[in-house]
C-alpha atoms as a PDB file:
ATOM      1  CA  UNK A   1      -0.034   0.128   0.010  1.00  0.00           C
ATOM      2  CA  UNK A   2       1.702   2.997  -1.231  1.00  0.00           C
ATOM      3  CA  UNK A   3       1.389   6.382   0.788  1.00  0.00           C
ATOM      4  CA  UNK A   4       1.504   9.935  -0.072  1.00  0.00           C
ATOM      5  CA  UNK A   5       3.457  12.515   1.267  1.00  0.00           C
ATOM      6  CA  UNK A   6       0.870  13.839   3.086  1.00  0.00           C
ATOM      7  CA  UNK A   7       0.245  10.927   5.062  1.00  0.00           C
ATOM      8  CA  UNK A   8       3.624  10.594   5.795  1.00  0.00           C
ATOM      9  CA  UNK A   9       4.183  14.076   7.301  1.00  0.00           C
ATOM     10  CA  UNK A  10       0.709  13.258   9.315  1.00  0.00           C
ATOM     11  CA  UNK A  11       2.203  10.038  10.725  1.00  0.00           C
ATOM     12  CA  UNK A  12       5.944  11.727  11.523  1.00  0.00           C
ATOM     13  CA  UNK A  13       3.999  14.789  13.230  1.00  0.00           C
ATOM     14  CA  UNK A  14       2.246  11.908  15.380  1.00  0.00           C
ATOM     15  CA  UNK A  15       5.009   9.966  16.226  1.00  0.00           C
ATOM     16  CA  UNK A  16       6.851  12.813  17.289  1.00  0.00           C
ATOM     17  CA  UNK A  17       4.124  14.053  19.473  1.00  0.00           C
ATOM     18  CA  UNK A  18       3.716  10.482  20.592  1.00  0.00           C
ATOM     19  CA  UNK A  19       7.456  10.673  21.711  1.00  0.00           C
ATOM     20  CA  UNK A  20       7.181  14.026  23.401  1.00  0.00           C
ATOM     21  CA  UNK A  21       4.603  13.233  25.490  1.00  0.00           C
ATOM     22  CA  UNK A  22       6.232  10.586  26.530  1.00  0.00           C
ATOM     23  CA  UNK A  23       9.213  12.343  27.637  1.00  0.00           C
ATOM     24  CA  UNK A  24       7.920  15.150  28.759  1.00  0.00           C
ATOM     25  CA  UNK A  25       7.631  14.878  32.397  1.00  0.00           C
ATOM     26  CA  UNK A  26       4.184  16.583  33.128  1.00  0.00           C
ATOM     27  CA  UNK A  27       5.663  20.131  31.367  1.00  0.00           C
ATOM     28  CA  UNK A  28       3.796  21.443  28.749  1.00  0.00           C
ATOM     29  CA  UNK A  29       4.329  21.094  25.158  1.00  0.00           C
ATOM     30  CA  UNK A  30       5.546  24.557  23.024  1.00  0.00           C
ATOM     31  CA  UNK A  31       3.734  23.639  19.833  1.00  0.00           C
ATOM     32  CA  UNK A  32       4.367  25.526  16.603  1.00  0.00           C
ATOM     33  CA  UNK A  33       2.141  25.138  12.642  1.00  0.00           C
ATOM     34  CA  UNK A  34       3.895  26.493   9.999  1.00  0.00           C
ATOM     35  CA  UNK A  35       2.203  27.709   6.704  1.00  0.00           C
ATOM     36  CA  UNK A  36       3.612  29.619   3.203  1.00  0.00           C
ATOM     37  CA  UNK A  37       1.809  32.546   4.947  1.00  0.00           C
ATOM     38  CA  UNK A  38       2.091  32.546   8.819  1.00  0.00           C
ATOM     39  CA  UNK A  39       3.329  31.107  12.011  1.00  0.00           C
ATOM     40  CA  UNK A  40       1.883  30.111  14.947  1.00  0.00           C
ATOM     41  CA  UNK A  41       2.572  28.727  18.507  1.00  0.00           C
ATOM     42  CA  UNK A  42       0.991  27.343  21.241  1.00  0.00           C
ATOM     43  CA  UNK A  43       1.674  26.177  24.633  1.00  0.00           C
ATOM     44  CA  UNK A  44      -0.402  23.106  25.409  1.00  0.00           C
ATOM     45  CA  UNK A  45      -1.570  21.439  28.859  1.00  0.00           C
ATOM     46  CA  UNK A  46      -1.293  17.698  27.317  1.00  0.00           C
ATOM     47  CA  UNK A  47      -2.997  16.664  31.138  1.00  0.00           C
ATOM     48  CA  UNK A  48      -6.111  18.930  30.538  1.00  0.00           C
ATOM     49  CA  UNK A  49      -6.769  19.056  27.332  1.00  0.00           C
ATOM     50  CA  UNK A  50      -6.298  22.969  27.412  1.00  0.00           C
ATOM     51  CA  UNK A  51      -4.260  25.781  25.463  1.00  0.00           C
ATOM     52  CA  UNK A  52      -2.753  27.720  27.597  1.00  0.00           C
ATOM     53  CA  UNK A  53      -0.851  29.939  25.846  1.00  0.00           C
ATOM     54  CA  UNK A  54      -1.307  31.136  21.961  1.00  0.00           C
ATOM     55  CA  UNK A  55       0.231  33.827  19.216  1.00  0.00           C
ATOM     56  CA  UNK A  56       0.220  33.738  15.771  1.00  0.00           C
ATOM     57  CA  UNK A  57       1.347  35.668  12.830  1.00  0.00           C
ATOM     58  CA  UNK A  58      -2.500  36.782  12.259  1.00  0.00           C
ATOM     59  CA  UNK A  59      -2.736  38.259  15.663  1.00  0.00           C
ATOM     60  CA  UNK A  60       0.296  40.438  15.312  1.00  0.00           C
ATOM     61  CA  UNK A  61      -1.518  43.216  13.176  1.00  0.00           C
ATOM     62  CA  UNK A  62       1.822  45.017  11.953  1.00  0.00           C
ATOM     63  CA  UNK A  63       1.000  44.331   8.338  1.00  0.00           C
ATOM     64  CA  UNK A  64       3.848  42.134   7.749  1.00  0.00           C
ATOM     65  CA  UNK A  65       3.771  38.564   6.275  1.00  0.00           C
ATOM     66  CA  UNK A  66       3.947  35.919   8.414  1.00  0.00           C
ATOM     67  CA  UNK A  67       6.582  33.886   6.171  1.00  0.00           C
ATOM     68  CA  UNK A  68       9.743  35.380   7.175  1.00  0.00           C
ATOM     69  CA  UNK A  69      12.142  35.121   9.896  1.00  0.00           C
ATOM     70  CA  UNK A  70      11.468  38.423  11.886  1.00  0.00           C
ATOM     71  CA  UNK A  71       8.007  37.284  12.245  1.00  0.00           C
ATOM     72  CA  UNK A  72       8.633  34.009  13.415  1.00  0.00           C
ATOM     73  CA  UNK A  73      11.108  35.821  16.120  1.00  0.00           C
ATOM     74  CA  UNK A  74       8.529  38.344  17.078  1.00  0.00           C
ATOM     75  CA  UNK A  75       6.017  35.289  17.567  1.00  0.00           C
ATOM     76  CA  UNK A  76       8.793  33.362  19.809  1.00  0.00           C
ATOM     77  CA  UNK A  77       9.123  37.097  21.720  1.00  0.00           C
ATOM     78  CA  UNK A  78       5.371  37.357  22.272  1.00  0.00           C
ATOM     79  CA  UNK A  79       4.640  33.223  22.896  1.00  0.00           C
ATOM     80  CA  UNK A  80       7.091  33.228  25.817  1.00  0.00           C
ATOM     81  CA  UNK A  81       6.264  36.695  27.244  1.00  0.00           C
ATOM     82  CA  UNK A  82       2.019  35.047  27.303  1.00  0.00           C
ATOM     83  CA  UNK A  83       3.249  31.949  28.953  1.00  0.00           C
ATOM     84  CA  UNK A  84       5.592  33.910  31.690  1.00  0.00           C
ATOM     85  CA  UNK A  85       2.529  35.609  32.277  1.00  0.00           C
ATOM     86  CA  UNK A  86       0.605  32.372  32.916  1.00  0.00           C
ATOM     87  CA  UNK A  87       3.684  31.095  35.526  1.00  0.00           C
ATOM     88  CA  UNK A  88       4.723  28.670  32.684  1.00  0.00           C
ATOM     89  CA  UNK A  89       8.956  28.900  33.072  1.00  0.00           C
ATOM     90  CA  UNK A  90       9.672  24.832  31.291  1.00  0.00           C
ATOM     91  CA  UNK A  91       8.442  23.578  27.986  1.00  0.00           C
ATOM     92  CA  UNK A  92       8.925  20.710  25.803  1.00  0.00           C
ATOM     93  CA  UNK A  93       9.319  21.773  22.157  1.00  0.00           C
ATOM     94  CA  UNK A  94       6.895  20.167  19.364  1.00  0.00           C
ATOM     95  CA  UNK A  95       8.114  21.002  16.102  1.00  0.00           C
ATOM     96  CA  UNK A  96       5.934  18.402  14.750  1.00  0.00           C
ATOM     97  CA  UNK A  97       6.825  17.277  11.182  1.00  0.00           C
ATOM     98  CA  UNK A  98       8.758  20.123  10.573  1.00  0.00           C
ATOM     99  CA  UNK A  99      12.371  20.385  10.539  1.00  0.00           C
ATOM    100  CA  UNK A 100      14.311  22.465  12.562  1.00  0.00           C
ATOM    101  CA  UNK A 101      15.872  25.082  10.314  1.00  0.00           C
ATOM    102  CA  UNK A 102      14.554  28.666   9.278  1.00  0.00           C
ATOM    103  CA  UNK A 103      11.323  30.198  10.547  1.00  0.00           C
ATOM    104  CA  UNK A 104      10.883  27.102  13.220  1.00  0.00           C
ATOM    105  CA  UNK A 105      14.686  27.944  14.637  1.00  0.00           C
ATOM    106  CA  UNK A 106      13.866  31.623  14.757  1.00  0.00           C
ATOM    107  CA  UNK A 107      10.565  30.851  16.662  1.00  0.00           C
ATOM    108  CA  UNK A 108      12.316  28.043  18.976  1.00  0.00           C
ATOM    109  CA  UNK A 109      15.327  30.305  19.731  1.00  0.00           C
ATOM    110  CA  UNK A 110      13.358  33.534  20.444  1.00  0.00           C
ATOM    111  CA  UNK A 111      10.802  31.616  22.719  1.00  0.00           C
ATOM    112  CA  UNK A 112      14.277  30.309  24.855  1.00  0.00           C
END
């Protein structure tokens, strides 16, 4: 049975998420979603099934396109500020099926 690229990407993201939940030791998860135009991040509490904080380039409102590294850096800083407001200091980074490079890397380093 042949699988498509979309099915492989979904399977890879699910595998990564399962592995992260196993090694998280009760820490919250910083999940990233990247599209061609925008990037978003959210901090998720898997134990309770709720989103603690979220940020997106759609909400940025600065008129900048969300498809560049500068926008990803801004979103990383914003999600970090919102997490600190909620009292979250330690998270596990969930890059999903995305490669740790470019916008994903910029967001992660800015959130640190």
